[in-house]
Amino acid sequence: MNWIILLGSFFFALVGLLVFVLAYIIFDRLIPKLTITKILIEDKNMALGIVLAGVFIGLAMIISSAIK
């Protein structure tokens, strides 16, 4: 097994996760009136959960394309 390939894959996975978390933080800050965590957990708003899942999937596709 080639260790350089393994380390490269680990590095890009780590970069992808960091970009994903950073993008979520930016998304959360863009909507100051809406506290996403409160609405999802306390109010159990399923519609917001579905929209947020779509945002996450789209964001993951963009990040994976950028890393390739």
N, C-alpha and C. Protein backbone atom coordinates (compact mmCIF):
# COMPACT_ATOMS: atom_id res chain seq x y z
N MET A 1 0.84 -1.17 0.00
CA MET A 1 0.00 0.00 0.00
C MET A 1 0.89 1.24 0.00
N ASN A 2 0.49 2.19 -0.78
CA ASN A 2 1.26 3.41 -0.90
C ASN A 2 0.79 4.41 0.16
N TRP A 3 1.69 4.78 1.06
CA TRP A 3 1.34 5.68 2.17
C TRP A 3 1.05 7.10 1.71
N ILE A 4 1.65 7.51 0.61
CA ILE A 4 1.42 8.87 0.11
C ILE A 4 -0.03 9.03 -0.35
N ILE A 5 -0.56 8.01 -1.00
CA ILE A 5 -1.95 8.05 -1.45
C ILE A 5 -2.89 8.07 -0.24
N LEU A 6 -2.59 7.28 0.76
CA LEU A 6 -3.41 7.23 1.97
C LEU A 6 -3.38 8.57 2.70
N LEU A 7 -2.21 9.16 2.84
CA LEU A 7 -2.11 10.46 3.50
C LEU A 7 -2.79 11.56 2.69
N GLY A 8 -2.69 11.49 1.38
CA GLY A 8 -3.36 12.47 0.52
C GLY A 8 -4.87 12.38 0.65
N SER A 9 -5.39 11.16 0.70
CA SER A 9 -6.83 10.97 0.87
C SER A 9 -7.29 11.49 2.23
N PHE A 10 -6.51 11.21 3.25
CA PHE A 10 -6.85 11.71 4.59
C PHE A 10 -6.83 13.23 4.63
N PHE A 11 -5.83 13.83 4.00
CA PHE A 11 -5.72 15.29 3.97
C PHE A 11 -6.92 15.92 3.27
N PHE A 12 -7.30 15.39 2.11
CA PHE A 12 -8.43 15.95 1.38
C PHE A 12 -9.75 15.72 2.11
N ALA A 13 -9.88 14.60 2.81
CA ALA A 13 -11.08 14.38 3.62
C ALA A 13 -11.16 15.39 4.76
N LEU A 14 -10.03 15.66 5.39
CA LEU A 14 -9.99 16.64 6.46
C LEU A 14 -10.29 18.05 5.95
N VAL A 15 -9.73 18.40 4.81
CA VAL A 15 -10.01 19.72 4.21
C VAL A 15 -11.49 19.83 3.85
N GLY A 16 -12.07 18.78 3.30
CA GLY A 16 -13.48 18.79 2.95
C GLY A 16 -14.37 18.98 4.16
N LEU A 17 -14.05 18.30 5.25
CA LEU A 17 -14.84 18.45 6.47
C LEU A 17 -14.71 19.85 7.05
N LEU A 18 -13.51 20.40 7.04
CA LEU A 18 -13.32 21.75 7.56
C LEU A 18 -14.07 22.78 6.72
N VAL A 19 -14.04 22.65 5.42
CA VAL A 19 -14.78 23.57 4.55
C VAL A 19 -16.28 23.41 4.78
N PHE A 20 -16.74 22.20 4.97
CA PHE A 20 -18.16 21.95 5.21
C PHE A 20 -18.62 22.61 6.51
N VAL A 21 -17.84 22.46 7.57
CA VAL A 21 -18.19 23.08 8.85
C VAL A 21 -18.15 24.60 8.74
N LEU A 22 -17.15 25.13 8.06
CA LEU A 22 -17.04 26.57 7.86
C LEU A 22 -18.24 27.09 7.07
N ALA A 23 -18.65 26.37 6.05
CA ALA A 23 -19.80 26.79 5.25
C ALA A 23 -21.08 26.75 6.07
N TYR A 24 -21.23 25.77 6.95
CA TYR A 24 -22.41 25.73 7.83
C TYR A 24 -22.42 26.92 8.78
N ILE A 25 -21.26 27.27 9.33
CA ILE A 25 -21.18 28.42 10.23
C ILE A 25 -21.55 29.70 9.49
N ILE A 26 -21.06 29.85 8.28
CA ILE A 26 -21.41 31.02 7.47
C ILE A 26 -22.90 31.03 7.17
N PHE A 27 -23.46 29.88 6.82
CA PHE A 27 -24.90 29.78 6.56
C PHE A 27 -25.70 30.15 7.79
N ASP A 28 -25.25 29.73 8.95
CA ASP A 28 -25.94 30.02 10.20
C ASP A 28 -25.87 31.52 10.52
N ARG A 29 -24.76 32.15 10.19
CA ARG A 29 -24.60 33.59 10.47
C ARG A 29 -25.35 34.47 9.46
N LEU A 30 -25.63 33.96 8.27
CA LEU A 30 -26.33 34.74 7.27
C LEU A 30 -27.79 34.99 7.64
N ILE A 31 -28.34 34.13 8.45
CA ILE A 31 -29.74 34.25 8.84
C ILE A 31 -29.78 34.51 10.35
N PRO A 32 -29.57 35.76 10.78
CA PRO A 32 -29.47 36.01 12.22
C PRO A 32 -30.80 35.88 12.97
N LYS A 33 -31.91 36.11 12.30
CA LYS A 33 -33.21 36.02 12.98
C LYS A 33 -33.62 34.57 13.25
N LEU A 34 -33.08 33.65 12.50
CA LEU A 34 -33.49 32.25 12.56
C LEU A 34 -32.44 31.44 13.34
N THR A 35 -32.81 30.97 14.50
CA THR A 35 -31.90 30.10 15.25
C THR A 35 -32.22 28.66 14.85
N ILE A 36 -31.40 28.13 13.99
CA ILE A 36 -31.66 26.83 13.37
C ILE A 36 -31.73 25.72 14.43
N THR A 37 -30.80 25.74 15.36
CA THR A 37 -30.76 24.68 16.37
C THR A 37 -32.02 24.69 17.22
N LYS A 38 -32.46 25.86 17.64
CA LYS A 38 -33.66 25.95 18.47
C LYS A 38 -34.89 25.45 17.72
N ILE A 39 -35.01 25.87 16.47
CA ILE A 39 -36.20 25.48 15.71
C ILE A 39 -36.20 23.98 15.41
N LEU A 40 -35.04 23.42 15.11
CA LEU A 40 -34.97 21.99 14.80
C LEU A 40 -35.22 21.12 16.02
N ILE A 41 -34.58 21.46 17.14
CA ILE A 41 -34.64 20.59 18.31
C ILE A 41 -35.88 20.85 19.17
N GLU A 42 -36.10 22.12 19.53
CA GLU A 42 -37.20 22.42 20.44
C GLU A 42 -38.56 22.40 19.74
N ASP A 43 -38.64 23.02 18.57
CA ASP A 43 -39.92 23.08 17.87
C ASP A 43 -40.18 21.88 16.97
N LYS A 44 -39.15 21.07 16.72
CA LYS A 44 -39.24 19.87 15.88
C LYS A 44 -39.83 20.19 14.51
N ASN A 45 -39.27 21.19 13.86
CA ASN A 45 -39.73 21.63 12.55
C ASN A 45 -39.11 20.74 11.47
N MET A 46 -39.90 19.82 10.95
CA MET A 46 -39.40 18.88 9.96
C MET A 46 -39.11 19.55 8.62
N ALA A 47 -39.88 20.57 8.26
CA ALA A 47 -39.66 21.26 6.99
C ALA A 47 -38.28 21.92 6.96
N LEU A 48 -37.89 22.56 8.05
CA LEU A 48 -36.56 23.17 8.11
C LEU A 48 -35.47 22.09 8.05
N GLY A 49 -35.73 20.95 8.65
CA GLY A 49 -34.77 19.85 8.59
C GLY A 49 -34.56 19.34 7.18
N ILE A 50 -35.63 19.27 6.42
CA ILE A 50 -35.54 18.81 5.03
C ILE A 50 -34.80 19.84 4.18
N VAL A 51 -35.10 21.12 4.39
CA VAL A 51 -34.40 22.17 3.65
C VAL A 51 -32.92 22.16 4.01
N LEU A 52 -32.61 22.02 5.27
CA LEU A 52 -31.21 21.99 5.72
C LEU A 52 -30.49 20.76 5.16
N ALA A 53 -31.17 19.63 5.06
CA ALA A 53 -30.57 18.44 4.46
C ALA A 53 -30.24 18.68 2.99
N GLY A 54 -31.13 19.37 2.27
CA GLY A 54 -30.86 19.71 0.88
C GLY A 54 -29.66 20.64 0.75
N VAL A 55 -29.56 21.60 1.66
CA VAL A 55 -28.40 22.50 1.66
C VAL A 55 -27.12 21.72 1.91
N PHE A 56 -27.15 20.80 2.86
CA PHE A 56 -25.97 20.00 3.17
C PHE A 56 -25.56 19.12 1.99
N ILE A 57 -26.51 18.50 1.34
CA ILE A 57 -26.20 17.64 0.20
C ILE A 57 -25.60 18.45 -0.95
N GLY A 58 -26.23 19.60 -1.24
CA GLY A 58 -25.69 20.47 -2.29
C GLY A 58 -24.31 20.99 -1.95
N LEU A 59 -24.10 21.35 -0.71
CA LEU A 59 -22.80 21.84 -0.27
C LEU A 59 -21.74 20.74 -0.36
N ALA A 60 -22.11 19.54 0.02
CA ALA A 60 -21.18 18.42 -0.06
C ALA A 60 -20.79 18.12 -1.51
N MET A 61 -21.76 18.24 -2.42
CA MET A 61 -21.44 18.01 -3.84
C MET A 61 -20.50 19.08 -4.38
N ILE A 62 -20.71 20.32 -3.98
CA ILE A 62 -19.84 21.41 -4.43
C ILE A 62 -18.43 21.23 -3.88
N ILE A 63 -18.32 20.91 -2.59
CA ILE A 63 -17.00 20.73 -1.98
C ILE A 63 -16.27 19.55 -2.59
N SER A 64 -16.98 18.45 -2.83
CA SER A 64 -16.31 17.28 -3.41
C SER A 64 -15.84 17.57 -4.84
N SER A 65 -16.60 18.35 -5.59
CA SER A 65 -16.17 18.71 -6.93
C SER A 65 -14.96 19.64 -6.90
N ALA A 66 -14.93 20.53 -5.92
CA ALA A 66 -13.81 21.46 -5.81
C ALA A 66 -12.53 20.75 -5.39
N ILE A 67 -12.65 19.71 -4.59
CA ILE A 67 -11.46 18.99 -4.12
C ILE A 67 -10.89 18.09 -5.21
N LYS A 68 -11.74 17.55 -6.07
CA LYS A 68 -11.26 16.68 -7.15
C LYS A 68 -10.33 17.45 -7.99
